[in-house]
N, C-alpha and C. Protein backbone atom coordinates (compact mmCIF):
# COMPACT_ATOMS: atom_id res chain seq x y z
N MET A 1 -7.97 131.47 221.66
CA MET A 1 -9.01 131.96 222.54
C MET A 1 -10.15 130.94 222.59
N GLU A 2 -10.78 130.86 223.74
CA GLU A 2 -11.83 129.87 223.96
C GLU A 2 -13.22 130.50 223.82
N ASN A 3 -14.22 129.64 223.65
CA ASN A 3 -15.59 130.10 223.48
C ASN A 3 -16.24 130.49 224.80
N ILE A 4 -17.14 131.47 224.73
CA ILE A 4 -17.93 131.92 225.87
C ILE A 4 -19.40 131.82 225.50
N ILE A 5 -20.20 131.28 226.43
CA ILE A 5 -21.65 131.23 226.25
C ILE A 5 -22.29 131.95 227.43
N VAL A 6 -23.23 132.84 227.15
CA VAL A 6 -24.01 133.51 228.19
C VAL A 6 -25.45 133.05 228.03
N LYS A 7 -25.98 132.50 229.12
CA LYS A 7 -27.31 131.90 229.06
C LYS A 7 -28.18 132.43 230.20
N TYR A 8 -29.38 132.84 229.87
CA TYR A 8 -30.38 133.25 230.84
C TYR A 8 -31.16 132.00 231.26
N VAL A 9 -31.40 131.83 232.55
CA VAL A 9 -32.18 130.71 233.05
C VAL A 9 -33.61 131.20 233.32
N PRO A 10 -34.59 130.76 232.52
CA PRO A 10 -35.94 131.34 232.59
C PRO A 10 -36.85 130.77 233.69
N GLU A 11 -36.32 130.60 234.87
CA GLU A 11 -37.13 130.14 236.00
C GLU A 11 -37.76 131.35 236.71
N ASN A 12 -38.88 131.14 237.36
CA ASN A 12 -39.56 132.24 238.04
C ASN A 12 -38.94 132.60 239.38
N TYR A 13 -38.50 131.63 240.14
CA TYR A 13 -37.98 131.87 241.49
C TYR A 13 -38.94 132.77 242.26
N SER A 14 -40.22 132.37 242.28
CA SER A 14 -41.26 133.20 242.89
C SER A 14 -41.49 132.90 244.37
N ASP A 15 -41.03 131.77 244.85
CA ASP A 15 -41.19 131.41 246.26
C ASP A 15 -39.89 131.62 247.03
N ASP A 16 -40.03 131.87 248.34
CA ASP A 16 -38.84 132.01 249.18
C ASP A 16 -37.94 130.78 249.07
N SER A 17 -38.55 129.60 249.04
CA SER A 17 -37.76 128.36 248.97
C SER A 17 -36.98 128.27 247.65
N ASP A 18 -37.53 128.81 246.57
CA ASP A 18 -36.81 128.83 245.29
C ASP A 18 -35.52 129.63 245.41
N ILE A 19 -35.61 130.78 246.08
CA ILE A 19 -34.44 131.64 246.25
C ILE A 19 -33.41 130.95 247.14
N LYS A 20 -33.87 130.38 248.23
CA LYS A 20 -32.96 129.68 249.15
C LYS A 20 -32.25 128.52 248.44
N ASN A 21 -33.00 127.74 247.66
CA ASN A 21 -32.41 126.60 246.95
C ASN A 21 -31.41 127.04 245.89
N LEU A 22 -31.72 128.12 245.18
CA LEU A 22 -30.80 128.62 244.16
C LEU A 22 -29.49 129.09 244.78
N VAL A 23 -29.59 129.88 245.84
CA VAL A 23 -28.37 130.39 246.49
C VAL A 23 -27.55 129.23 247.06
N LYS A 24 -28.22 128.24 247.65
CA LYS A 24 -27.49 127.06 248.14
C LYS A 24 -26.77 126.36 247.00
N TYR A 25 -27.48 126.16 245.89
CA TYR A 25 -26.87 125.50 244.73
C TYR A 25 -25.65 126.27 244.23
N ILE A 26 -25.79 127.57 244.07
CA ILE A 26 -24.69 128.38 243.55
C ILE A 26 -23.48 128.32 244.48
N SER A 27 -23.74 128.26 245.79
CA SER A 27 -22.64 128.22 246.76
C SER A 27 -22.02 126.83 246.89
N GLY A 28 -22.66 125.83 246.29
CA GLY A 28 -22.14 124.46 246.39
C GLY A 28 -22.72 123.70 247.56
N ASN A 29 -23.77 124.24 248.20
CA ASN A 29 -24.38 123.61 249.36
C ASN A 29 -25.79 123.10 249.10
N GLY A 30 -26.12 122.90 247.84
CA GLY A 30 -27.46 122.46 247.47
C GLY A 30 -27.60 120.95 247.53
N ARG A 31 -28.69 120.46 246.93
CA ARG A 31 -28.99 119.01 246.92
C ARG A 31 -27.84 118.19 246.37
N ASN A 32 -27.15 118.72 245.37
CA ASN A 32 -26.08 117.97 244.70
C ASN A 32 -24.70 118.37 245.19
N LYS A 33 -24.58 118.73 246.46
CA LYS A 33 -23.30 119.29 246.92
C LYS A 33 -22.13 118.33 246.77
N ARG A 34 -22.39 117.05 246.73
CA ARG A 34 -21.28 116.09 246.52
C ARG A 34 -20.79 116.11 245.08
N LYS A 35 -21.65 116.57 244.16
CA LYS A 35 -21.29 116.60 242.74
C LYS A 35 -20.77 117.95 242.31
N GLU A 36 -21.10 119.00 243.06
CA GLU A 36 -20.73 120.35 242.67
C GLU A 36 -19.36 120.72 243.22
N ASN A 37 -18.50 121.18 242.35
CA ASN A 37 -17.21 121.73 242.76
C ASN A 37 -17.29 123.24 242.54
N VAL A 38 -17.19 123.99 243.61
CA VAL A 38 -17.28 125.44 243.52
C VAL A 38 -15.92 126.03 243.85
N TYR A 39 -15.34 126.67 242.86
CA TYR A 39 -14.02 127.30 243.02
C TYR A 39 -14.11 128.55 243.88
N ASP A 40 -15.18 129.32 243.70
CA ASP A 40 -15.33 130.56 244.45
C ASP A 40 -16.82 130.88 244.58
N PHE A 41 -17.21 131.37 245.74
CA PHE A 41 -18.56 131.87 245.98
C PHE A 41 -18.41 133.26 246.57
N SER A 42 -19.13 134.22 246.00
CA SER A 42 -19.01 135.59 246.48
C SER A 42 -20.37 136.28 246.39
N ALA A 43 -20.45 137.45 247.01
CA ALA A 43 -21.70 138.20 247.04
C ALA A 43 -21.40 139.69 246.95
N ARG A 44 -22.39 140.44 246.51
CA ARG A 44 -22.34 141.89 246.50
C ARG A 44 -23.58 142.40 247.22
N GLY A 45 -23.37 143.21 248.26
CA GLY A 45 -24.48 143.76 249.02
C GLY A 45 -25.17 142.75 249.92
N LEU A 46 -24.53 141.60 250.12
CA LEU A 46 -25.11 140.50 250.91
C LEU A 46 -24.01 139.81 251.70
N SER A 47 -24.43 139.02 252.66
CA SER A 47 -23.50 138.15 253.39
C SER A 47 -22.96 137.09 252.43
N CYS A 48 -21.77 136.61 252.69
CA CYS A 48 -21.22 135.49 251.92
C CYS A 48 -21.67 134.15 252.49
N ASN A 49 -22.46 134.18 253.54
CA ASN A 49 -23.07 132.98 254.08
C ASN A 49 -24.35 132.74 253.27
N PRO A 50 -24.47 131.60 252.57
CA PRO A 50 -25.62 131.38 251.68
C PRO A 50 -26.99 131.53 252.35
N GLU A 51 -27.15 131.02 253.56
CA GLU A 51 -28.45 131.13 254.24
C GLU A 51 -28.77 132.59 254.57
N LYS A 52 -27.78 133.30 255.07
CA LYS A 52 -27.99 134.72 255.39
C LYS A 52 -28.26 135.53 254.13
N ALA A 53 -27.51 135.21 253.06
CA ALA A 53 -27.68 135.95 251.80
C ALA A 53 -29.09 135.79 251.26
N SER A 54 -29.60 134.56 251.23
CA SER A 54 -30.96 134.35 250.71
C SER A 54 -31.99 135.04 251.61
N ASP A 55 -31.78 134.99 252.93
CA ASP A 55 -32.70 135.69 253.84
C ASP A 55 -32.66 137.20 253.60
N GLN A 56 -31.49 137.75 253.34
CA GLN A 56 -31.36 139.18 253.08
C GLN A 56 -32.10 139.58 251.80
N ILE A 57 -31.98 138.76 250.77
CA ILE A 57 -32.71 139.03 249.51
C ILE A 57 -34.21 139.03 249.77
N ILE A 58 -34.69 137.98 250.43
CA ILE A 58 -36.12 137.81 250.69
C ILE A 58 -36.64 138.96 251.56
N ASN A 59 -35.92 139.30 252.61
CA ASN A 59 -36.35 140.38 253.50
C ASN A 59 -36.41 141.72 252.79
N MET A 60 -35.41 142.00 251.96
CA MET A 60 -35.41 143.26 251.22
C MET A 60 -36.60 143.34 250.28
N GLN A 61 -36.88 142.24 249.56
CA GLN A 61 -38.02 142.23 248.65
C GLN A 61 -39.34 142.44 249.40
N LYS A 62 -39.48 141.80 250.54
CA LYS A 62 -40.71 141.94 251.34
C LYS A 62 -40.83 143.35 251.92
N ASN A 63 -39.72 143.93 252.34
CA ASN A 63 -39.75 145.27 252.94
C ASN A 63 -40.21 146.35 251.96
N VAL A 64 -39.95 146.14 250.68
CA VAL A 64 -40.37 147.14 249.68
C VAL A 64 -41.59 146.69 248.88
N GLY A 65 -42.21 145.57 249.31
CA GLY A 65 -43.43 145.10 248.65
C GLY A 65 -43.21 144.52 247.27
N LYS A 66 -42.05 143.92 247.02
CA LYS A 66 -41.75 143.38 245.68
C LYS A 66 -41.46 141.88 245.71
N ALA A 67 -42.02 141.17 246.67
CA ALA A 67 -41.78 139.73 246.79
C ALA A 67 -42.86 138.95 246.02
N TYR A 68 -42.89 139.13 244.72
CA TYR A 68 -43.88 138.46 243.90
C TYR A 68 -43.31 138.21 242.51
N LYS A 69 -43.96 137.29 241.81
CA LYS A 69 -43.56 136.88 240.45
C LYS A 69 -42.08 136.55 240.37
N ARG A 70 -41.46 136.83 239.26
CA ARG A 70 -40.04 136.51 239.08
C ARG A 70 -39.21 137.44 239.96
N ARG A 71 -38.48 136.85 240.92
CA ARG A 71 -37.79 137.65 241.93
C ARG A 71 -36.28 137.65 241.76
N ILE A 72 -35.77 136.72 240.99
CA ILE A 72 -34.32 136.57 240.81
C ILE A 72 -34.02 136.50 239.32
N PHE A 73 -32.94 137.14 238.91
CA PHE A 73 -32.43 137.03 237.55
C PHE A 73 -31.24 136.09 237.63
N HIS A 74 -31.36 134.89 237.04
CA HIS A 74 -30.31 133.87 237.08
C HIS A 74 -29.73 133.70 235.68
N PHE A 75 -28.43 133.88 235.59
CA PHE A 75 -27.77 133.64 234.31
C PHE A 75 -26.43 132.96 234.53
N ILE A 76 -25.92 132.39 233.46
CA ILE A 76 -24.68 131.61 233.50
C ILE A 76 -23.75 132.11 232.42
N VAL A 77 -22.49 132.29 232.77
CA VAL A 77 -21.44 132.58 231.80
C VAL A 77 -20.53 131.36 231.81
N SER A 78 -20.42 130.71 230.66
CA SER A 78 -19.69 129.45 230.56
C SER A 78 -18.52 129.58 229.58
N TYR A 79 -17.42 128.97 229.94
CA TYR A 79 -16.20 129.01 229.13
C TYR A 79 -15.83 127.61 228.68
N GLU A 80 -15.34 127.50 227.45
CA GLU A 80 -14.89 126.20 226.96
C GLU A 80 -13.80 125.66 227.88
N LYS A 81 -12.84 126.47 228.17
CA LYS A 81 -11.84 126.23 229.22
C LYS A 81 -11.18 127.57 229.48
N ALA A 82 -10.72 127.75 230.71
CA ALA A 82 -10.17 129.05 231.05
C ALA A 82 -9.43 128.97 232.37
N ASP A 83 -8.51 129.88 232.56
CA ASP A 83 -7.81 130.04 233.83
C ASP A 83 -8.83 130.51 234.87
N LEU A 84 -8.88 129.84 236.01
CA LEU A 84 -9.91 130.15 237.00
C LEU A 84 -9.73 131.53 237.63
N ASP A 85 -8.52 132.01 237.75
CA ASP A 85 -8.32 133.36 238.27
C ASP A 85 -8.87 134.40 237.30
N ALA A 86 -8.73 134.14 236.00
CA ALA A 86 -9.28 135.05 234.98
C ALA A 86 -10.82 134.99 235.00
N VAL A 87 -11.38 133.80 235.22
CA VAL A 87 -12.83 133.67 235.33
C VAL A 87 -13.32 134.46 236.54
N LYS A 88 -12.61 134.35 237.66
CA LYS A 88 -13.00 135.08 238.87
C LYS A 88 -12.96 136.59 238.64
N LYS A 89 -11.91 137.06 237.98
CA LYS A 89 -11.79 138.50 237.71
C LYS A 89 -12.95 138.96 236.81
N SER A 90 -13.29 138.15 235.81
CA SER A 90 -14.41 138.48 234.94
C SER A 90 -15.72 138.53 235.72
N ALA A 91 -15.93 137.57 236.61
CA ALA A 91 -17.15 137.54 237.42
C ALA A 91 -17.25 138.79 238.28
N GLU A 92 -16.15 139.19 238.89
CA GLU A 92 -16.13 140.39 239.72
C GLU A 92 -16.49 141.63 238.92
N GLU A 93 -15.94 141.74 237.71
CA GLU A 93 -16.21 142.91 236.88
C GLU A 93 -17.66 142.94 236.41
N ILE A 94 -18.22 141.79 236.04
CA ILE A 94 -19.63 141.74 235.64
C ILE A 94 -20.51 142.17 236.81
N ALA A 95 -20.24 141.62 237.99
CA ALA A 95 -21.03 141.96 239.18
C ALA A 95 -20.92 143.44 239.51
N ASP A 96 -19.71 143.96 239.50
CA ASP A 96 -19.48 145.34 239.94
C ASP A 96 -19.94 146.39 238.93
N GLU A 97 -19.88 146.08 237.66
CA GLU A 97 -20.24 147.06 236.64
C GLU A 97 -21.72 147.01 236.25
N LEU A 98 -22.22 145.83 235.95
CA LEU A 98 -23.59 145.73 235.43
C LEU A 98 -24.66 145.71 236.51
N PHE A 99 -24.30 145.26 237.71
CA PHE A 99 -25.31 145.06 238.75
C PHE A 99 -24.95 145.77 240.05
N LYS A 100 -24.30 146.91 239.95
CA LYS A 100 -23.82 147.61 241.15
C LYS A 100 -24.93 148.07 242.07
N ASP A 101 -26.15 148.24 241.56
CA ASP A 101 -27.27 148.68 242.39
C ASP A 101 -28.12 147.52 242.91
N TYR A 102 -27.65 146.28 242.70
CA TYR A 102 -28.45 145.10 243.05
C TYR A 102 -27.66 144.14 243.94
N GLN A 103 -28.38 143.49 244.83
CA GLN A 103 -27.77 142.41 245.62
C GLN A 103 -27.59 141.21 244.70
N LEU A 104 -26.48 140.52 244.85
CA LEU A 104 -26.28 139.32 244.04
C LEU A 104 -25.30 138.38 244.70
N VAL A 105 -25.38 137.13 244.29
CA VAL A 105 -24.38 136.12 244.62
C VAL A 105 -23.91 135.52 243.31
N TYR A 106 -22.67 135.03 243.33
CA TYR A 106 -22.21 134.25 242.19
C TYR A 106 -21.28 133.15 242.66
N GLY A 107 -21.26 132.09 241.89
CA GLY A 107 -20.39 130.97 242.18
C GLY A 107 -19.74 130.48 240.91
N ILE A 108 -18.44 130.20 241.00
CA ILE A 108 -17.71 129.65 239.86
C ILE A 108 -17.66 128.13 240.05
N HIS A 109 -18.33 127.43 239.14
CA HIS A 109 -18.45 125.98 239.23
C HIS A 109 -17.44 125.32 238.28
N THR A 110 -16.81 124.27 238.78
CA THR A 110 -15.82 123.54 237.98
C THR A 110 -16.16 122.06 237.91
N SER A 111 -17.42 121.71 238.12
CA SER A 111 -17.83 120.31 238.16
C SER A 111 -18.07 119.72 236.77
N THR A 112 -17.99 120.53 235.74
CA THR A 112 -18.08 120.04 234.36
C THR A 112 -16.76 120.35 233.66
N PHE A 113 -16.64 119.95 232.42
CA PHE A 113 -15.43 120.26 231.65
C PHE A 113 -15.33 121.75 231.36
N ASN A 114 -16.44 122.44 231.47
CA ASN A 114 -16.48 123.87 231.18
C ASN A 114 -16.65 124.66 232.47
N PRO A 115 -15.63 125.42 232.89
CA PRO A 115 -15.85 126.27 234.06
C PRO A 115 -16.94 127.29 233.73
N HIS A 116 -17.80 127.54 234.71
CA HIS A 116 -18.91 128.45 234.46
C HIS A 116 -19.27 129.20 235.73
N ILE A 117 -19.86 130.37 235.54
CA ILE A 117 -20.25 131.23 236.64
C ILE A 117 -21.78 131.30 236.68
N HIS A 118 -22.35 130.98 237.82
CA HIS A 118 -23.78 131.19 238.05
C HIS A 118 -23.94 132.51 238.79
N PHE A 119 -24.79 133.38 238.28
CA PHE A 119 -25.14 134.63 238.94
C PHE A 119 -26.61 134.56 239.33
N ALA A 120 -26.93 134.99 240.55
CA ALA A 120 -28.32 135.16 240.99
C ALA A 120 -28.43 136.60 241.47
N VAL A 121 -29.20 137.39 240.74
CA VAL A 121 -29.32 138.82 241.02
C VAL A 121 -30.72 139.11 241.55
N ASN A 122 -30.79 139.77 242.70
CA ASN A 122 -32.07 140.24 243.22
C ASN A 122 -32.60 141.28 242.24
N ARG A 123 -33.80 141.09 241.75
CA ARG A 123 -34.35 142.01 240.75
C ARG A 123 -34.79 143.34 241.34
N VAL A 124 -34.74 143.47 242.67
CA VAL A 124 -35.13 144.73 243.32
C VAL A 124 -33.87 145.53 243.63
N SER A 125 -33.83 146.76 243.17
CA SER A 125 -32.66 147.62 243.37
C SER A 125 -32.49 147.97 244.84
N ARG A 126 -31.27 147.84 245.33
CA ARG A 126 -30.99 148.27 246.70
C ARG A 126 -30.85 149.78 246.78
N LYS A 127 -30.75 150.42 245.63
CA LYS A 127 -30.62 151.88 245.58
C LYS A 127 -31.97 152.57 245.75
N ASP A 128 -32.98 152.10 244.98
CA ASP A 128 -34.26 152.81 245.01
C ASP A 128 -35.49 151.91 245.13
N GLY A 129 -35.32 150.60 245.27
CA GLY A 129 -36.44 149.68 245.46
C GLY A 129 -37.25 149.35 244.22
N THR A 130 -36.81 149.83 243.05
CA THR A 130 -37.53 149.49 241.82
C THR A 130 -37.13 148.10 241.36
N LYS A 131 -38.00 147.49 240.58
CA LYS A 131 -37.75 146.13 240.10
C LYS A 131 -37.13 146.16 238.71
N MET A 132 -36.07 145.39 238.53
CA MET A 132 -35.38 145.29 237.24
C MET A 132 -36.27 144.59 236.22
N HIS A 133 -36.35 145.17 235.03
CA HIS A 133 -37.08 144.56 233.93
C HIS A 133 -36.09 144.30 232.81
N TRP A 134 -35.97 143.01 232.44
CA TRP A 134 -35.00 142.62 231.41
C TRP A 134 -35.73 142.18 230.16
N ASP A 135 -35.13 142.52 229.02
CA ASP A 135 -35.65 142.04 227.75
C ASP A 135 -34.47 141.60 226.88
N GLY A 136 -34.74 141.29 225.66
CA GLY A 136 -33.70 140.78 224.76
C GLY A 136 -32.53 141.73 224.59
N SER A 137 -32.78 143.04 224.56
CA SER A 137 -31.68 143.99 224.38
C SER A 137 -30.78 144.02 225.61
N ASP A 138 -31.36 143.85 226.80
CA ASP A 138 -30.55 143.80 228.02
C ASP A 138 -29.67 142.56 228.03
N LEU A 139 -30.23 141.43 227.60
CA LEU A 139 -29.45 140.20 227.54
C LEU A 139 -28.32 140.34 226.52
N SER A 140 -28.59 141.01 225.42
CA SER A 140 -27.53 141.26 224.42
C SER A 140 -26.43 142.12 225.02
N GLU A 141 -26.80 143.13 225.80
CA GLU A 141 -25.81 143.98 226.46
C GLU A 141 -24.98 143.18 227.46
N LEU A 142 -25.64 142.31 228.21
CA LEU A 142 -24.94 141.43 229.15
C LEU A 142 -23.93 140.56 228.40
N ARG A 143 -24.35 139.99 227.29
CA ARG A 143 -23.45 139.15 226.49
C ARG A 143 -22.25 139.96 225.99
N ARG A 144 -22.51 141.16 225.47
CA ARG A 144 -21.41 142.01 224.98
C ARG A 144 -20.43 142.34 226.10
N PHE A 145 -20.96 142.70 227.27
CA PHE A 145 -20.09 143.07 228.38
C PHE A 145 -19.31 141.86 228.89
N ALA A 146 -19.97 140.71 229.01
CA ALA A 146 -19.28 139.50 229.47
C ALA A 146 -18.16 139.13 228.50
N TYR A 147 -18.42 139.25 227.22
CA TYR A 147 -17.38 138.98 226.23
C TYR A 147 -16.22 139.96 226.38
N LYS A 148 -16.54 141.24 226.53
CA LYS A 148 -15.51 142.28 226.63
C LYS A 148 -14.60 142.04 227.84
N VAL A 149 -15.19 141.84 229.03
CA VAL A 149 -14.34 141.67 230.21
C VAL A 149 -13.59 140.35 230.18
N SER A 150 -14.22 139.32 229.63
CA SER A 150 -13.53 138.03 229.53
C SER A 150 -12.34 138.14 228.59
N LYS A 151 -12.55 138.80 227.47
CA LYS A 151 -11.46 138.99 226.51
C LYS A 151 -10.33 139.81 227.15
N GLU A 152 -10.68 140.87 227.88
CA GLU A 152 -9.68 141.68 228.56
C GLU A 152 -8.90 140.86 229.59
N ASN A 153 -9.54 139.82 230.13
CA ASN A 153 -8.89 138.95 231.11
C ASN A 153 -8.25 137.73 230.47
N GLY A 154 -8.17 137.72 229.14
CA GLY A 154 -7.44 136.67 228.43
C GLY A 154 -8.22 135.43 228.10
N ILE A 155 -9.55 135.51 228.14
CA ILE A 155 -10.36 134.33 227.78
C ILE A 155 -11.44 134.71 226.78
N GLY A 156 -11.66 133.79 225.85
CA GLY A 156 -12.87 133.78 225.11
C GLY A 156 -13.03 134.38 223.76
N THR A 157 -13.87 133.70 223.01
CA THR A 157 -14.51 134.24 221.82
C THR A 157 -16.00 133.99 222.02
N PHE A 158 -16.80 134.91 221.62
CA PHE A 158 -18.23 134.90 221.92
C PHE A 158 -19.01 134.02 220.95
N ILE A 159 -19.93 133.18 221.49
CA ILE A 159 -20.88 132.45 220.63
C ILE A 159 -22.27 132.62 221.16
């Protein structure tokens, strides 16, 4: 079994341009698009077109008055090495189970030796318009769940 790392990216993403740039990067269409290899790009509650998806996130946040401070929750699940179909299945399960009430995009990047999934989650719930508040215990739960689904899909030991 291979190692799994779950990492929170502590950026604010407080400006519209920050959100647009992050979604472009995750989709493989950012500044480094020649260097990024994206195996899969997908979305939940959003268009799979990166420009439309970022506009949908921004518009939803503005419509409910929550377009301020940290607006996106960005995290990465990285594998030492893994079957890409198993990584995709794990990404789908994380998105569908932990963030079912939130708009999100994710991209599976293969441009390093370690396949990894970037998730960008709109912190405003599409269900009730409340803003997600994360702390250390939530990140621990995310790590436990990512490990569980990855293991069920045949990859990983948690570090």
